[in-house]
Every structure is written in structure tokens, then in C-alpha cells.
């Protein structure tokens, strides 16, 4: 079985007739994980998760602090209307 050490898990497992010679099958003898993949998995992905959670918390705190954004002078009954409003650009 071709599962070299140091790769940190195998996404695809190959069963080779000559497991001691992976070069016969076009596979690298000493595979390594590219630096870009390591940076992506260990730096960029956690940073993106932290930023996404921060954005969601920021939106939640903004909603709690300021509430819904409504136009000035709009009554509650007007904001509940479901019929479409004419667009001023569509007028003749």
C-alpha cells in the first residue's frame, strides 16, 4: 500500500503490486505536501473562520444596539405592506 509517512493523511490510497517502487507507477518516491497547502490549511482557513464569526457577531451586536434600519417618517403600517410599489423610473 502506498501511504508514505510525513504526508499527514492520504486522500487517495493506492494498492501497488510493487509497493517498494512507486516510481514505476508515476508516483513520487518521497512525496511532500506543498507549502501553499500547508499555509492554506494552517493559516488562511482558521483566519477566515475567525473573521466570519467576527462579522456575524458584529452584525448581531449592531442589530441589538440599533435595531432595524427604517426610512425616516415611515409608519409601521407602511413597512408591513406586501403589494409592490411603483418605481419612479418606470413612470411615463
N, C-alpha and C. Protein backbone atom coordinates (compact mmCIF):
# COMPACT_ATOMS: atom_id res chain seq x y z
N UNK A 1 0.84 -1.16 0.00
CA UNK A 1 0.00 0.00 0.00
C UNK A 1 0.90 1.24 0.00
N UNK A 2 0.54 2.22 -0.82
CA UNK A 2 1.31 3.45 -0.95
C UNK A 2 0.72 4.50 -0.02
N UNK A 3 1.26 4.60 1.19
CA UNK A 3 0.84 5.58 2.18
C UNK A 3 2.10 6.10 2.87
N UNK A 4 2.83 7.00 2.21
CA UNK A 4 4.13 7.42 2.72
C UNK A 4 4.01 8.22 4.03
N UNK A 5 4.98 8.09 4.92
CA UNK A 5 4.97 8.87 6.15
C UNK A 5 5.29 10.33 5.87
N UNK A 6 4.81 11.21 6.74
CA UNK A 6 5.09 12.63 6.60
C UNK A 6 4.10 13.39 5.75
N UNK A 7 3.16 12.68 5.14
CA UNK A 7 2.17 13.35 4.31
C UNK A 7 1.01 13.84 5.16
N UNK A 8 0.78 13.21 6.32
CA UNK A 8 -0.27 13.66 7.22
C UNK A 8 -1.65 13.23 6.78
N UNK A 9 -1.79 12.05 6.31
CA UNK A 9 -3.08 11.54 5.84
C UNK A 9 -3.06 11.36 4.35
N UNK A 10 -3.84 10.46 3.89
CA UNK A 10 -3.87 10.16 2.47
C UNK A 10 -5.28 10.36 1.95
N UNK A 11 -5.41 11.18 0.94
CA UNK A 11 -6.71 11.39 0.31
C UNK A 11 -7.07 10.26 -0.62
N UNK A 12 -6.07 9.65 -1.23
CA UNK A 12 -6.28 8.53 -2.15
C UNK A 12 -5.30 7.44 -1.74
N UNK A 13 -5.79 6.22 -1.68
CA UNK A 13 -4.95 5.09 -1.31
C UNK A 13 -4.73 4.25 -2.57
N UNK A 14 -3.47 3.95 -2.85
CA UNK A 14 -3.11 3.11 -3.98
C UNK A 14 -2.60 1.78 -3.45
N UNK A 15 -3.07 0.69 -4.03
CA UNK A 15 -2.52 -0.62 -3.72
C UNK A 15 -1.64 -0.99 -4.91
N UNK A 16 -0.34 -1.08 -4.66
CA UNK A 16 0.63 -1.31 -5.71
C UNK A 16 1.18 -2.72 -5.63
N UNK A 17 1.38 -3.32 -6.78
CA UNK A 17 1.98 -4.65 -6.81
C UNK A 17 3.43 -4.59 -6.32
N UNK A 18 4.11 -3.53 -6.68
CA UNK A 18 5.48 -3.31 -6.24
C UNK A 18 5.49 -2.07 -5.35
N UNK A 19 5.07 -2.22 -4.10
CA UNK A 19 4.93 -1.10 -3.18
C UNK A 19 6.23 -0.42 -2.82
N UNK A 20 7.33 -1.14 -2.98
CA UNK A 20 8.62 -0.54 -2.64
C UNK A 20 9.17 0.32 -3.79
N UNK A 21 8.50 0.30 -4.95
CA UNK A 21 8.95 1.08 -6.11
C UNK A 21 7.79 1.90 -6.70
N UNK A 22 7.36 2.97 -6.02
CA UNK A 22 6.23 3.76 -6.54
C UNK A 22 6.56 4.50 -7.83
N UNK A 23 7.85 4.69 -8.14
CA UNK A 23 8.24 5.37 -9.37
C UNK A 23 7.79 4.63 -10.61
N UNK A 24 7.57 3.32 -10.52
CA UNK A 24 7.08 2.55 -11.67
C UNK A 24 5.68 2.98 -12.09
N UNK A 25 4.95 3.55 -11.16
CA UNK A 25 3.56 3.94 -11.42
C UNK A 25 3.40 5.44 -11.60
N UNK A 26 4.49 6.15 -11.68
CA UNK A 26 4.43 7.60 -11.86
C UNK A 26 4.17 8.35 -10.57
N UNK A 27 4.35 7.69 -9.44
CA UNK A 27 4.16 8.34 -8.14
C UNK A 27 5.51 8.75 -7.58
N UNK A 28 5.55 9.84 -6.82
CA UNK A 28 6.83 10.27 -6.26
C UNK A 28 7.33 9.30 -5.19
N UNK A 29 8.64 9.15 -5.13
CA UNK A 29 9.24 8.24 -4.15
C UNK A 29 9.16 8.81 -2.75
N UNK A 30 9.36 10.13 -2.64
CA UNK A 30 9.33 10.80 -1.35
C UNK A 30 8.36 11.99 -1.44
N UNK A 31 7.04 11.76 -1.35
CA UNK A 31 6.07 12.84 -1.53
C UNK A 31 6.10 13.83 -0.37
N UNK A 32 5.77 15.07 -0.68
CA UNK A 32 5.70 16.13 0.32
C UNK A 32 4.47 16.97 0.07
N UNK A 33 3.97 17.55 1.12
CA UNK A 33 2.83 18.47 0.99
C UNK A 33 3.39 19.83 0.58
N UNK A 34 2.81 20.45 -0.46
CA UNK A 34 3.30 21.77 -0.89
C UNK A 34 3.12 22.82 0.21
N UNK A 35 4.01 23.79 0.24
CA UNK A 35 3.96 24.86 1.25
C UNK A 35 2.66 25.65 1.15
N UNK A 36 2.16 25.85 -0.05
CA UNK A 36 0.91 26.60 -0.21
C UNK A 36 -0.26 25.89 0.46
N UNK A 37 -0.31 24.57 0.37
CA UNK A 37 -1.38 23.81 1.02
C UNK A 37 -1.24 23.91 2.54
N UNK A 38 -0.03 23.84 3.04
CA UNK A 38 0.21 23.95 4.48
C UNK A 38 -0.22 25.32 4.99
N UNK A 39 0.13 26.37 4.26
CA UNK A 39 -0.26 27.73 4.65
C UNK A 39 -1.78 27.89 4.59
N UNK A 40 -2.39 27.35 3.56
CA UNK A 40 -3.84 27.44 3.42
C UNK A 40 -4.55 26.76 4.59
N UNK A 41 -4.14 25.55 4.91
CA UNK A 41 -4.82 24.79 5.96
C UNK A 41 -4.51 25.30 7.36
N UNK A 42 -3.31 25.80 7.61
CA UNK A 42 -2.91 26.17 8.96
C UNK A 42 -3.03 27.65 9.27
N UNK A 43 -3.13 28.51 8.24
CA UNK A 43 -3.17 29.95 8.48
C UNK A 43 -4.44 30.57 7.90
N UNK A 44 -4.63 30.44 6.62
CA UNK A 44 -5.72 31.13 5.93
C UNK A 44 -7.09 30.62 6.38
N UNK A 45 -7.26 29.32 6.46
CA UNK A 45 -8.56 28.76 6.81
C UNK A 45 -8.99 29.15 8.23
N UNK A 46 -8.15 29.01 9.25
CA UNK A 46 -8.58 29.46 10.58
C UNK A 46 -8.80 30.98 10.65
N UNK A 47 -7.98 31.75 9.96
CA UNK A 47 -8.15 33.19 9.95
C UNK A 47 -9.49 33.57 9.30
N UNK A 48 -9.84 32.91 8.22
CA UNK A 48 -11.13 33.16 7.57
C UNK A 48 -12.29 32.80 8.48
N UNK A 49 -12.17 31.72 9.22
CA UNK A 49 -13.23 31.33 10.16
C UNK A 49 -13.39 32.37 11.27
N UNK A 50 -12.28 32.86 11.79
CA UNK A 50 -12.32 33.88 12.84
C UNK A 50 -12.97 35.16 12.31
N UNK A 51 -12.60 35.57 11.10
CA UNK A 51 -13.17 36.78 10.51
C UNK A 51 -14.66 36.62 10.24
N UNK A 52 -15.09 35.45 9.80
CA UNK A 52 -16.51 35.23 9.54
C UNK A 52 -17.32 35.29 10.83
N UNK A 53 -16.83 34.65 11.88
CA UNK A 53 -17.52 34.70 13.17
C UNK A 53 -17.54 36.14 13.69
N UNK A 54 -16.43 36.86 13.54
CA UNK A 54 -16.39 38.26 13.96
C UNK A 54 -17.40 39.12 13.21
N UNK A 55 -17.54 38.89 11.92
CA UNK A 55 -18.52 39.64 11.13
C UNK A 55 -19.94 39.34 11.56
N UNK A 56 -20.23 38.07 11.82
CA UNK A 56 -21.57 37.71 12.28
C UNK A 56 -21.87 38.31 13.66
N UNK A 57 -20.89 38.27 14.56
CA UNK A 57 -21.09 38.87 15.88
C UNK A 57 -21.25 40.38 15.78
N UNK A 58 -20.49 41.00 14.90
CA UNK A 58 -20.64 42.44 14.69
C UNK A 58 -22.02 42.80 14.17
N UNK A 59 -22.54 42.03 13.23
CA UNK A 59 -23.88 42.27 12.71
C UNK A 59 -24.94 42.07 13.80
N UNK A 60 -24.76 41.04 14.61
CA UNK A 60 -25.71 40.78 15.69
C UNK A 60 -25.70 41.92 16.71
N UNK A 61 -24.52 42.36 17.13
CA UNK A 61 -24.44 43.45 18.10
C UNK A 61 -24.99 44.75 17.51
N UNK A 62 -24.76 44.99 16.23
CA UNK A 62 -25.31 46.18 15.59
C UNK A 62 -26.83 46.12 15.59
N UNK A 63 -27.39 44.97 15.29
CA UNK A 63 -28.85 44.81 15.29
C UNK A 63 -29.41 45.01 16.69
N UNK A 64 -28.73 44.44 17.70
CA UNK A 64 -29.20 44.59 19.08
C UNK A 64 -29.13 46.06 19.51
N UNK A 65 -28.07 46.74 19.14
CA UNK A 65 -27.87 48.13 19.58
C UNK A 65 -28.78 49.11 18.84
N UNK A 66 -28.90 48.98 17.52
CA UNK A 66 -29.61 49.97 16.73
C UNK A 66 -30.94 49.49 16.16
N UNK A 67 -31.19 48.21 16.12
CA UNK A 67 -32.44 47.68 15.58
C UNK A 67 -32.45 47.69 14.06
N UNK A 68 -33.66 47.55 13.52
CA UNK A 68 -33.82 47.52 12.07
C UNK A 68 -33.60 48.89 11.47
N UNK A 69 -33.16 48.92 10.26
CA UNK A 69 -32.93 50.17 9.54
C UNK A 69 -34.20 50.52 8.78
N UNK A 70 -34.88 51.59 9.20
CA UNK A 70 -36.10 52.02 8.52
C UNK A 70 -35.92 53.45 8.05
N UNK A 71 -36.62 53.78 6.99
CA UNK A 71 -36.56 55.13 6.45
C UNK A 71 -37.23 56.09 7.43
N UNK A 72 -36.71 57.32 7.55
CA UNK A 72 -37.33 58.28 8.46
C UNK A 72 -38.75 58.62 8.02
N UNK A 73 -39.65 58.69 8.99
CA UNK A 73 -41.03 59.05 8.70
C UNK A 73 -41.88 57.88 8.23
N UNK A 74 -41.34 56.70 8.12
CA UNK A 74 -42.11 55.56 7.67
C UNK A 74 -42.90 55.00 8.85
N UNK A 75 -44.19 54.82 8.64
CA UNK A 75 -45.02 54.25 9.70
C UNK A 75 -44.93 52.74 9.67
N UNK A 76 -45.27 52.12 10.78
CA UNK A 76 -45.21 50.66 10.87
C UNK A 76 -46.14 50.02 9.87
N UNK A 77 -47.32 50.64 9.59
CA UNK A 77 -48.26 50.05 8.65
C UNK A 77 -47.71 50.06 7.23
N UNK A 78 -46.92 51.08 6.88
CA UNK A 78 -46.33 51.13 5.55
C UNK A 78 -45.25 50.08 5.36
N UNK A 79 -44.53 49.76 6.42
CA UNK A 79 -43.47 48.78 6.29
C UNK A 79 -44.01 47.36 6.22
N UNK A 80 -45.29 47.16 6.57
CA UNK A 80 -45.89 45.83 6.54
C UNK A 80 -46.55 45.53 5.20
N UNK A 81 -46.66 46.52 4.32
CA UNK A 81 -47.33 46.33 3.05
C UNK A 81 -46.60 45.31 2.19
N UNK A 82 -47.37 44.43 1.53
CA UNK A 82 -46.76 43.40 0.70
C UNK A 82 -46.95 43.65 -0.79
N UNK A 83 -47.81 44.59 -1.17
CA UNK A 83 -48.02 44.85 -2.59
C UNK A 83 -46.83 45.61 -3.16
N UNK A 84 -46.48 45.35 -4.42
CA UNK A 84 -45.31 46.03 -5.00
C UNK A 84 -45.57 47.52 -5.18
N UNK A 85 -44.56 48.31 -4.94
CA UNK A 85 -44.65 49.76 -5.10
C UNK A 85 -44.14 50.13 -6.49
N UNK A 86 -44.79 51.08 -7.14
CA UNK A 86 -44.29 51.50 -8.46
C UNK A 86 -42.93 52.17 -8.34
N UNK A 87 -42.10 51.93 -9.32
CA UNK A 87 -40.78 52.53 -9.35
C UNK A 87 -40.88 53.87 -10.05
N UNK A 88 -40.30 54.92 -9.49
CA UNK A 88 -40.39 56.24 -10.09
C UNK A 88 -39.71 56.31 -11.45
N UNK A 89 -38.83 55.40 -11.74
CA UNK A 89 -38.16 55.38 -13.04
C UNK A 89 -39.07 54.81 -14.14
N UNK A 90 -40.08 54.02 -13.70
CA UNK A 90 -40.98 53.40 -14.69
C UNK A 90 -42.10 54.35 -15.12
N UNK A 91 -42.24 55.49 -14.46
CA UNK A 91 -43.33 56.41 -14.79
C UNK A 91 -43.08 57.02 -16.16
N UNK A 92 -44.18 57.30 -16.90
CA UNK A 92 -44.02 57.86 -18.27
C UNK A 92 -43.53 59.26 -18.29
